[in-house]
Structures are given as C-alpha cells and as structure tokens.
Amino acid sequence: MRARPSLRGFTFIELMVVITVIGIAASLSIGKLDGLTSQSRLRATSRAFGNMLLGLRQQAVIQSRELAVEIDVREQRWRIIDRPSPTDFPDPDDREERTWRAEWDGPADGVVLEDVAFARDDVQRSGVFEITFDGDGQLSPAGFVAWFREEGVESDEEGISVEVTGLTGVVDYVKGRKRAEEVRDPDDF
C-alpha cells in the first residue's frame, strides 16, 4: 500500500491570527500618516482648538463657574485659565496668586493662527485675547471666529474658520475665511 501524501495546510485559527496581526499593523501605520499632509495638520489643529473650547465650556457648566482661554495671536498660542471665584478669595492679589494657568498650546507645524475676529460690538483690547465661559456656558465676548491657514498659503479659501457662538458656545468649522463682518451680532442669537 502506498502512503497517502501529507495534505497539510493552515488551520482557520492560524489564518485568523495572521489577519488580525496584519490588521493591527495596518491601523498603526495609517494612524501615523495622519499628520503627514499639511491639510491633515490644518484640520487636526482646528479640531483640537474647537474641541478645547467645547471641553472648556462643558467644564464651566459642570462646575457652574467661570473658565477662560487666553489667545495670543502674535505668539501663535493659547492656554486655559482657571481663576478662583471672588467669593472664595475676595482679595484680588490672593485670587491672582491662586489662578491656575495651563501650559501654552499652539497650532501644529506648518499651521498658522492667522487672526481672531469678534462680533461687531466687541473691541480688540490688545494682541492677547481672553475668552470666558460663564457658569451657564455663555461666551464672552459674544462669539468669535478663529482662522487657521497653512503656512505659506495666502488664499482666504484655503484655511479653516472655527466659529464659536456666544449664547450656546456651539463650535462650527467652515472651509475658508469667515470675515469679522460676517460674525453675527449678540442680539441675533
């Protein structure tokens, strides 16, 4: 009698293990590609900025107290500020001493925070702006637009505007530059 040739192949389990390993490796490598293009860095920066504002508003409502973000357009950076309440610390010097300021954050490499435009009745006081959410989540000044663009690209259509409404704190992302005159008046809300 002749011996049967050995028919040996891969088991279903072995195939599933190999497919799982390939899937994990592919997902890790695709995640690394996200920051490679200037458009993806622009989108990621505008999303991160908008999400930071949404989180800050939510935290202000949860804690039922005022929280702020300081934006410095000239230095291309922003940070969260958490001041104690005047009822907890009546002395302004003591309150200032106990104020917590986060580390400065800023746009990704190759992305520029071009400007911040406020509603028509708000006046720019300096190169550094402070945006405040009160305990009800209302924004002061009454809404603004931050415009991000790719470094070296001067076209107004190539950036992303992050618009934040005053009353609701809703964040909207708009392709292109949304100019200050397009920002709604606080009475429009």
Protein backbone atom coordinates (compact mmCIF):
# COMPACT_ATOMS: atom_id res chain seq x y z
CA MET A 1 0.00 0.00 0.00
CA ARG A 2 1.10 3.38 -0.81
CA ALA A 3 1.30 6.03 1.82
CA ARG A 4 -1.01 8.95 1.33
CA PRO A 5 0.69 12.19 0.61
CA SER A 6 0.52 14.53 3.55
CA LEU A 7 -2.13 17.20 2.93
CA ARG A 8 -1.13 19.87 5.30
CA GLY A 9 -2.34 23.49 5.19
CA PHE A 10 -3.15 26.30 7.54
CA THR A 11 -5.86 25.97 10.11
CA PHE A 12 -8.62 28.51 10.41
CA ILE A 13 -7.14 29.77 13.72
CA GLU A 14 -3.74 30.34 12.15
CA LEU A 15 -5.29 32.31 9.30
CA MET A 16 -7.31 34.46 11.72
CA VAL A 17 -4.20 35.22 13.81
CA VAL A 18 -2.28 36.33 10.72
CA ILE A 19 -5.19 38.52 9.50
CA THR A 20 -5.51 40.10 12.97
CA VAL A 21 -1.78 40.89 13.11
CA ILE A 22 -1.92 42.44 9.62
CA GLY A 23 -4.98 44.50 10.62
CA ILE A 24 -3.28 45.82 13.77
CA ALA A 25 -0.12 46.70 11.85
CA ALA A 26 -2.14 48.49 9.16
CA SER A 27 -4.15 50.50 11.68
CA LEU A 28 -0.97 51.60 13.46
CA SER A 29 0.72 52.69 10.24
CA ILE A 30 -2.37 54.57 8.98
CA GLY A 31 -2.57 56.44 12.30
CA LYS A 32 1.00 57.62 11.77
CA LEU A 33 0.13 59.02 8.32
CA ASP A 34 -2.50 61.44 9.68
CA GLY A 35 -0.04 64.28 10.37
CA LEU A 36 1.93 63.98 7.15
CA THR A 37 -0.06 66.28 4.91
CA SER A 38 -0.47 69.97 5.54
CA GLN A 39 -4.25 69.67 5.08
CA SER A 40 -4.49 66.98 7.76
CA ARG A 41 -2.43 69.12 10.16
CA LEU A 42 -4.70 72.10 9.43
CA ARG A 43 -7.85 70.04 10.08
CA ALA A 44 -6.35 68.47 13.20
CA THR A 45 -5.33 71.87 14.62
CA SER A 46 -8.73 73.44 14.02
CA ARG A 47 -10.49 70.38 15.51
CA ALA A 48 -8.21 70.40 18.55
CA PHE A 49 -8.84 74.13 19.09
CA GLY A 50 -12.61 73.69 18.74
CA ASN A 51 -12.65 70.63 21.00
CA MET A 52 -10.65 72.50 23.63
CA LEU A 53 -13.30 75.26 23.59
CA LEU A 54 -16.16 72.75 23.79
CA GLY A 55 -14.48 70.97 26.70
CA LEU A 56 -13.85 74.26 28.49
CA ARG A 57 -17.50 75.29 28.09
CA GLN A 58 -18.68 71.92 29.35
CA GLN A 59 -16.36 72.13 32.36
CA ALA A 60 -17.61 75.66 33.17
CA VAL A 61 -21.22 74.42 33.14
CA ILE A 62 -20.44 71.31 35.20
CA GLN A 63 -18.56 73.34 37.80
CA SER A 64 -21.05 76.22 37.50
CA ARG A 65 -18.27 78.79 37.40
CA GLU A 66 -16.26 80.93 35.03
CA LEU A 67 -13.39 79.46 33.00
CA ALA A 68 -11.34 81.24 30.34
CA VAL A 69 -8.98 80.70 27.45
CA GLU A 70 -6.26 83.21 26.64
CA ILE A 71 -5.35 83.52 22.95
CA ASP A 72 -2.14 85.20 21.84
CA VAL A 73 -2.28 85.50 18.05
CA ARG A 74 1.12 87.20 17.71
CA GLU A 75 2.89 84.36 19.53
CA GLN A 76 0.66 81.66 17.92
CA ARG A 77 -0.54 80.12 21.18
CA TRP A 78 -3.43 79.68 23.62
CA ARG A 79 -3.98 78.35 27.14
CA ILE A 80 -6.75 77.69 29.66
CA ILE A 81 -7.08 79.93 32.73
CA ASP A 82 -8.89 78.84 35.89
CA ARG A 83 -9.40 81.67 38.35
CA PRO A 84 -10.86 81.17 41.81
CA SER A 85 -14.20 82.82 42.48
CA PRO A 86 -14.24 86.30 44.10
CA THR A 87 -16.46 84.87 46.84
CA ASP A 88 -13.81 82.26 47.67
CA PHE A 89 -10.94 84.74 47.54
CA PRO A 90 -12.13 88.37 47.86
CA ASP A 91 -8.61 89.83 47.73
CA PRO A 92 -7.63 90.32 44.03
CA ASP A 93 -3.94 89.70 44.76
CA ASP A 94 -4.74 86.46 46.57
CA ARG A 95 -7.08 85.42 43.73
CA GLU A 96 -4.39 86.18 41.12
CA GLU A 97 -1.85 84.16 43.10
CA ARG A 98 -4.20 81.16 43.15
CA THR A 99 -5.09 81.38 39.45
CA TRP A 100 -4.13 78.26 37.52
CA ARG A 101 -2.80 78.68 34.01
CA ALA A 102 -2.27 75.73 31.70
CA GLU A 103 0.82 75.33 29.57
CA TRP A 104 0.67 77.23 26.29
CA ASP A 105 -0.57 75.21 23.34
CA GLY A 106 -0.43 76.16 19.69
CA PRO A 107 -1.01 75.08 16.12
CA ALA A 108 0.79 72.15 14.53
CA ASP A 109 3.93 72.75 12.49
CA GLY A 110 3.03 74.35 9.18
CA VAL A 111 -0.27 75.77 10.50
CA VAL A 112 -0.83 79.44 11.42
CA LEU A 113 -3.49 81.01 13.63
CA GLU A 114 -3.98 84.00 11.35
CA ASP A 115 -6.47 86.04 13.34
CA VAL A 116 -9.39 86.12 15.76
CA ALA A 117 -12.46 88.18 14.78
CA PHE A 118 -15.08 89.19 17.33
CA ALA A 119 -18.68 90.32 16.97
CA ARG A 120 -19.09 93.86 15.70
CA ASP A 121 -19.71 95.42 19.11
CA ASP A 122 -16.64 93.92 20.78
CA VAL A 123 -13.41 95.87 20.69
CA GLN A 124 -9.95 94.39 20.45
CA ARG A 125 -8.08 95.49 23.58
CA SER A 126 -4.60 94.11 22.83
CA GLY A 127 -2.76 91.38 20.97
CA VAL A 128 -3.80 88.90 23.66
CA PHE A 129 -7.50 88.00 23.95
CA GLU A 130 -9.31 86.37 26.80
CA ILE A 131 -12.44 84.38 26.02
CA THR A 132 -14.60 83.47 29.01
CA PHE A 133 -17.33 80.88 29.52
CA ASP A 134 -19.56 81.64 32.50
CA GLY A 135 -21.22 79.02 34.70
CA ASP A 136 -24.17 78.84 32.27
CA GLY A 137 -21.86 78.20 29.31
CA GLN A 138 -22.33 81.61 27.72
CA LEU A 139 -19.36 83.04 25.90
CA SER A 140 -17.93 86.49 26.50
CA PRO A 141 -17.18 88.32 24.21
CA ALA A 142 -20.35 87.29 22.41
CA GLY A 143 -18.89 84.95 19.82
CA PHE A 144 -15.78 84.91 17.67
CA VAL A 145 -14.09 83.30 14.70
CA ALA A 146 -10.52 81.98 14.73
CA TRP A 147 -8.98 81.49 11.29
CA PHE A 148 -6.29 78.87 10.72
CA ARG A 149 -4.38 78.51 7.47
CA GLU A 150 -1.44 76.61 6.11
CA GLU A 151 1.89 78.38 6.45
CA GLY A 152 2.88 79.97 3.14
CA VAL A 153 -0.64 79.84 1.68
CA GLU A 154 -2.19 83.28 1.48
CA SER A 155 -5.55 82.35 -0.10
CA ASP A 156 -8.61 83.03 2.04
CA GLU A 157 -10.29 79.90 0.68
CA GLU A 158 -7.53 77.53 1.81
CA GLY A 159 -7.92 77.83 5.57
CA ILE A 160 -10.45 76.75 8.17
CA SER A 161 -12.52 79.15 10.27
CA VAL A 162 -13.56 77.99 13.73
CA GLU A 163 -16.70 79.92 14.69
CA VAL A 164 -17.95 79.89 18.28
CA THR A 165 -21.41 81.32 19.02
CA GLY A 166 -21.85 83.40 22.15
CA LEU A 167 -25.05 82.15 23.70
CA THR A 168 -24.76 78.44 23.03
CA GLY A 169 -21.00 78.00 22.66
CA VAL A 170 -21.58 75.88 19.56
CA VAL A 171 -18.43 75.38 17.51
CA ASP A 172 -18.70 75.34 13.72
CA TYR A 173 -15.91 74.61 11.23
CA VAL A 174 -16.09 76.50 7.93
CA LYS A 175 -13.76 75.99 4.98
CA GLY A 176 -12.26 79.34 4.05
CA ARG A 177 -12.02 82.59 5.91
CA LYS A 178 -15.09 83.88 7.70
CA ARG A 179 -14.58 87.62 7.99
CA ALA A 180 -15.42 89.74 11.03
CA GLU A 181 -18.32 91.45 9.31
CA GLU A 182 -19.92 88.04 8.82
CA VAL A 183 -19.95 87.38 12.55
CA ARG A 184 -23.43 87.78 13.95
CA ASP A 185 -24.41 90.42 16.47
CA PRO A 186 -25.12 89.17 20.00
CA ASP A 187 -28.76 90.27 19.53
CA ASP A 188 -29.11 87.81 16.63
CA PHE A 189 -28.99 84.82 18.97
